Amino acid sequence: MAFYPQDAREARPLIDAADQALYRSKANGRNTVTRFTDLTAD
């Protein structure tokens, strides 16, 4: 999950943040929710 305006103020960076959270959740297995702010910036 990524939230406006905490994680990004424009659409593209917000979508990118949500995408990073999505792939981190998928890597961690089923029934997982990941906040973008919980991720380390790579």
PDB file of N, CA and C in Angstrom:
ATOM      1  N   MET A   1       0.845  -1.170   0.000  1.00  0.00           N
ATOM      2  CA  MET A   1       0.000   0.000   0.000  1.00  0.00           C
ATOM      3  C   MET A   1       0.891   1.235   0.000  1.00  0.00           C
ATOM      4  N   ALA A   2       0.423   2.223  -0.705  1.00  0.00           N
ATOM      5  CA  ALA A   2       1.074   3.524  -0.702  1.00  0.00           C
ATOM      6  C   ALA A   2      -0.026   4.571  -0.563  1.00  0.00           C
ATOM      7  N   PHE A   3       0.253   5.626   0.157  1.00  0.00           N
ATOM      8  CA  PHE A   3      -0.761   6.630   0.454  1.00  0.00           C
ATOM      9  C   PHE A   3      -0.348   8.016  -0.024  1.00  0.00           C
ATOM     10  N   TYR A   4      -1.335   8.730  -0.525  1.00  0.00           N
ATOM     11  CA  TYR A   4      -1.164  10.130  -0.896  1.00  0.00           C
ATOM     12  C   TYR A   4      -1.538  10.975   0.303  1.00  0.00           C
ATOM     13  N   PRO A   5      -0.819  11.956   0.658  1.00  0.00           N
ATOM     14  CA  PRO A   5       0.445  12.499   0.160  1.00  0.00           C
ATOM     15  C   PRO A   5       1.658  12.003   0.937  1.00  0.00           C
ATOM     16  N   GLN A   6       1.476  11.061   1.867  1.00  0.00           N
ATOM     17  CA  GLN A   6       2.593  10.618   2.703  1.00  0.00           C
ATOM     18  C   GLN A   6       3.721   9.988   1.886  1.00  0.00           C
ATOM     19  N   ASP A   7       3.379   9.167   0.901  1.00  0.00           N
ATOM     20  CA  ASP A   7       4.394   8.426   0.157  1.00  0.00           C
ATOM     21  C   ASP A   7       4.784   9.089  -1.156  1.00  0.00           C
ATOM     22  N   ALA A   8       3.889   9.877  -1.739  1.00  0.00           N
ATOM     23  CA  ALA A   8       4.182  10.603  -2.986  1.00  0.00           C
ATOM     24  C   ALA A   8       3.072  11.609  -3.231  1.00  0.00           C
ATOM     25  N   ARG A   9       3.421  12.679  -3.924  1.00  0.00           N
ATOM     26  CA  ARG A   9       2.441  13.729  -4.201  1.00  0.00           C
ATOM     27  C   ARG A   9       1.955  13.734  -5.646  1.00  0.00           C
ATOM     28  N   GLU A  10       2.562  12.916  -6.501  1.00  0.00           N
ATOM     29  CA  GLU A  10       2.148  12.825  -7.895  1.00  0.00           C
ATOM     30  C   GLU A  10       1.824  11.382  -8.234  1.00  0.00           C
ATOM     31  N   ALA A  11       1.045  11.194  -9.297  1.00  0.00           N
ATOM     32  CA  ALA A  11       0.518   9.871  -9.637  1.00  0.00           C
ATOM     33  C   ALA A  11       1.618   8.842  -9.906  1.00  0.00           C
ATOM     34  N   ARG A  12       2.564   9.153 -10.768  1.00  0.00           N
ATOM     35  CA  ARG A  12       3.573   8.162 -11.159  1.00  0.00           C
ATOM     36  C   ARG A  12       4.397   7.674  -9.973  1.00  0.00           C
ATOM     37  N   PRO A  13       4.948   8.553  -9.142  1.00  0.00           N
ATOM     38  CA  PRO A  13       5.695   8.047  -7.976  1.00  0.00           C
ATOM     39  C   PRO A  13       4.818   7.265  -6.997  1.00  0.00           C
ATOM     40  N   LEU A  14       3.551   7.638  -6.880  1.00  0.00           N
ATOM     41  CA  LEU A  14       2.643   6.916  -5.994  1.00  0.00           C
ATOM     42  C   LEU A  14       2.385   5.509  -6.519  1.00  0.00           C
ATOM     43  N   ILE A  15       2.189   5.388  -7.817  1.00  0.00           N
ATOM     44  CA  ILE A  15       1.994   4.071  -8.441  1.00  0.00           C
ATOM     45  C   ILE A  15       3.253   3.231  -8.292  1.00  0.00           C
ATOM     46  N   ASP A  16       4.412   3.842  -8.492  1.00  0.00           N
ATOM     47  CA  ASP A  16       5.678   3.115  -8.334  1.00  0.00           C
ATOM     48  C   ASP A  16       5.848   2.608  -6.901  1.00  0.00           C
ATOM     49  N   ALA A  17       5.484   3.434  -5.931  1.00  0.00           N
ATOM     50  CA  ALA A  17       5.576   3.034  -4.525  1.00  0.00           C
ATOM     51  C   ALA A  17       4.643   1.861  -4.235  1.00  0.00           C
ATOM     52  N   ALA A  18       3.430   1.940  -4.737  1.00  0.00           N
ATOM     53  CA  ALA A  18       2.473   0.850  -4.540  1.00  0.00           C
ATOM     54  C   ALA A  18       2.953  -0.425  -5.219  1.00  0.00           C
ATOM     55  N   ASP A  19       3.565  -0.275  -6.384  1.00  0.00           N
ATOM     56  CA  ASP A  19       4.087  -1.422  -7.122  1.00  0.00           C
ATOM     57  C   ASP A  19       5.208  -2.104  -6.334  1.00  0.00           C
ATOM     58  N   GLN A  20       6.099  -1.322  -5.743  1.00  0.00           N
ATOM     59  CA  GLN A  20       7.165  -1.895  -4.921  1.00  0.00           C
ATOM     60  C   GLN A  20       6.590  -2.663  -3.735  1.00  0.00           C
ATOM     61  N   ALA A  21       5.585  -2.092  -3.101  1.00  0.00           N
ATOM     62  CA  ALA A  21       4.940  -2.774  -1.971  1.00  0.00           C
ATOM     63  C   ALA A  21       4.265  -4.061  -2.426  1.00  0.00           C
ATOM     64  N   LEU A  22       3.622  -4.024  -3.595  1.00  0.00           N
ATOM     65  CA  LEU A  22       2.961  -5.211  -4.139  1.00  0.00           C
ATOM     66  C   LEU A  22       3.953  -6.348  -4.343  1.00  0.00           C
ATOM     67  N   TYR A  23       5.069  -6.053  -4.986  1.00  0.00           N
ATOM     68  CA  TYR A  23       6.042  -7.106  -5.254  1.00  0.00           C
ATOM     69  C   TYR A  23       6.717  -7.608  -3.988  1.00  0.00           C
ATOM     70  N   ARG A  24       6.912  -6.750  -3.000  1.00  0.00           N
ATOM     71  CA  ARG A  24       7.464  -7.205  -1.721  1.00  0.00           C
ATOM     72  C   ARG A  24       6.474  -8.152  -1.047  1.00  0.00           C
ATOM     73  N   SER A  25       5.187  -7.820  -1.081  1.00  0.00           N
ATOM     74  CA  SER A  25       4.172  -8.697  -0.488  1.00  0.00           C
ATOM     75  C   SER A  25       4.124 -10.036  -1.195  1.00  0.00           C
ATOM     76  N   LYS A  26       4.192 -10.017  -2.524  1.00  0.00           N
ATOM     77  CA  LYS A  26       4.181 -11.276  -3.285  1.00  0.00           C
ATOM     78  C   LYS A  26       5.384 -12.137  -2.924  1.00  0.00           C
ATOM     79  N   ALA A  27       6.534 -11.515  -2.729  1.00  0.00           N
ATOM     80  CA  ALA A  27       7.736 -12.265  -2.378  1.00  0.00           C
ATOM     81  C   ALA A  27       7.624 -12.877  -0.984  1.00  0.00           C
ATOM     82  N   ASN A  28       6.854 -12.240  -0.105  1.00  0.00           N
ATOM     83  CA  ASN A  28       6.700 -12.732   1.267  1.00  0.00           C
ATOM     84  C   ASN A  28       5.622 -13.789   1.421  1.00  0.00           C
ATOM     85  N   GLY A  29       4.864 -14.058   0.377  1.00  0.00           N
ATOM     86  CA  GLY A  29       3.862 -15.114   0.440  1.00  0.00           C
ATOM     87  C   GLY A  29       2.446 -14.578   0.493  1.00  0.00           C
ATOM     88  N   ARG A  30       1.514 -15.489   0.643  1.00  0.00           N
ATOM     89  CA  ARG A  30       0.092 -15.152   0.632  1.00  0.00           C
ATOM     90  C   ARG A  30      -0.333 -14.381   1.874  1.00  0.00           C
ATOM     91  N   ASN A  31      -1.470 -13.694   1.734  1.00  0.00           N
ATOM     92  CA  ASN A  31      -2.100 -12.977   2.839  1.00  0.00           C
ATOM     93  C   ASN A  31      -1.144 -12.002   3.533  1.00  0.00           C
ATOM     94  N   THR A  32      -0.428 -11.251   2.732  1.00  0.00           N
ATOM     95  CA  THR A  32       0.537 -10.302   3.257  1.00  0.00           C
ATOM     96  C   THR A  32       0.190  -8.896   2.790  1.00  0.00           C
ATOM     97  N   VAL A  33       0.273  -7.948   3.693  1.00  0.00           N
ATOM     98  CA  VAL A  33       0.077  -6.539   3.354  1.00  0.00           C
ATOM     99  C   VAL A  33       1.370  -5.815   3.695  1.00  0.00           C
ATOM    100  N   THR A  34       1.856  -5.007   2.757  1.00  0.00           N
ATOM    101  CA  THR A  34       3.099  -4.276   2.965  1.00  0.00           C
ATOM    102  C   THR A  34       2.863  -2.808   2.685  1.00  0.00           C
ATOM    103  N   ARG A  35       3.232  -1.958   3.627  1.00  0.00           N
ATOM    104  CA  ARG A  35       3.197  -0.510   3.416  1.00  0.00           C
ATOM    105  C   ARG A  35       4.488  -0.093   2.753  1.00  0.00           C
ATOM    106  N   PHE A  36       4.425   0.835   1.825  1.00  0.00           N
ATOM    107  CA  PHE A  36       5.620   1.320   1.157  1.00  0.00           C
ATOM    108  C   PHE A  36       6.619   1.867   2.152  1.00  0.00           C
ATOM    109  N   THR A  37       6.162   2.574   3.161  1.00  0.00           N
ATOM    110  CA  THR A  37       7.066   3.187   4.139  1.00  0.00           C
ATOM    111  C   THR A  37       7.806   2.139   4.971  1.00  0.00           C
ATOM    112  N   ASP A  38       7.319   0.902   4.963  1.00  0.00           N
ATOM    113  CA  ASP A  38       7.997  -0.178   5.670  1.00  0.00           C
ATOM    114  C   ASP A  38       9.181  -0.716   4.883  1.00  0.00           C
ATOM    115  N   LEU A  39       9.284  -0.359   3.613  1.00  0.00           N
ATOM    116  CA  LEU A  39      10.332  -0.887   2.754  1.00  0.00           C
ATOM    117  C   LEU A  39      11.598  -0.046   2.863  1.00  0.00           C
ATOM    118  N   THR A  40      12.704  -0.686   2.674  1.00  0.00           N
ATOM    119  CA  THR A  40      13.955   0.073   2.586  1.00  0.00           C
ATOM    120  C   THR A  40      14.125   0.515   1.138  1.00  0.00           C
ATOM    121  N   ALA A  41      14.549   1.737   0.947  1.00  0.00           N
ATOM    122  CA  ALA A  41      14.719   2.261  -0.405  1.00  0.00           C
ATOM    123  C   ALA A  41      15.911   1.590  -1.071  1.00  0.00           C
ATOM    124  N   ASP A  42      15.668   1.033  -2.244  1.00  0.00           N
ATOM    125  CA  ASP A  42      16.745   0.376  -3.011  1.00  0.00           C
ATOM    126  C   ASP A  42      17.074   1.190  -4.231  1.00  0.00           C
TER     127      ASP A  42
END
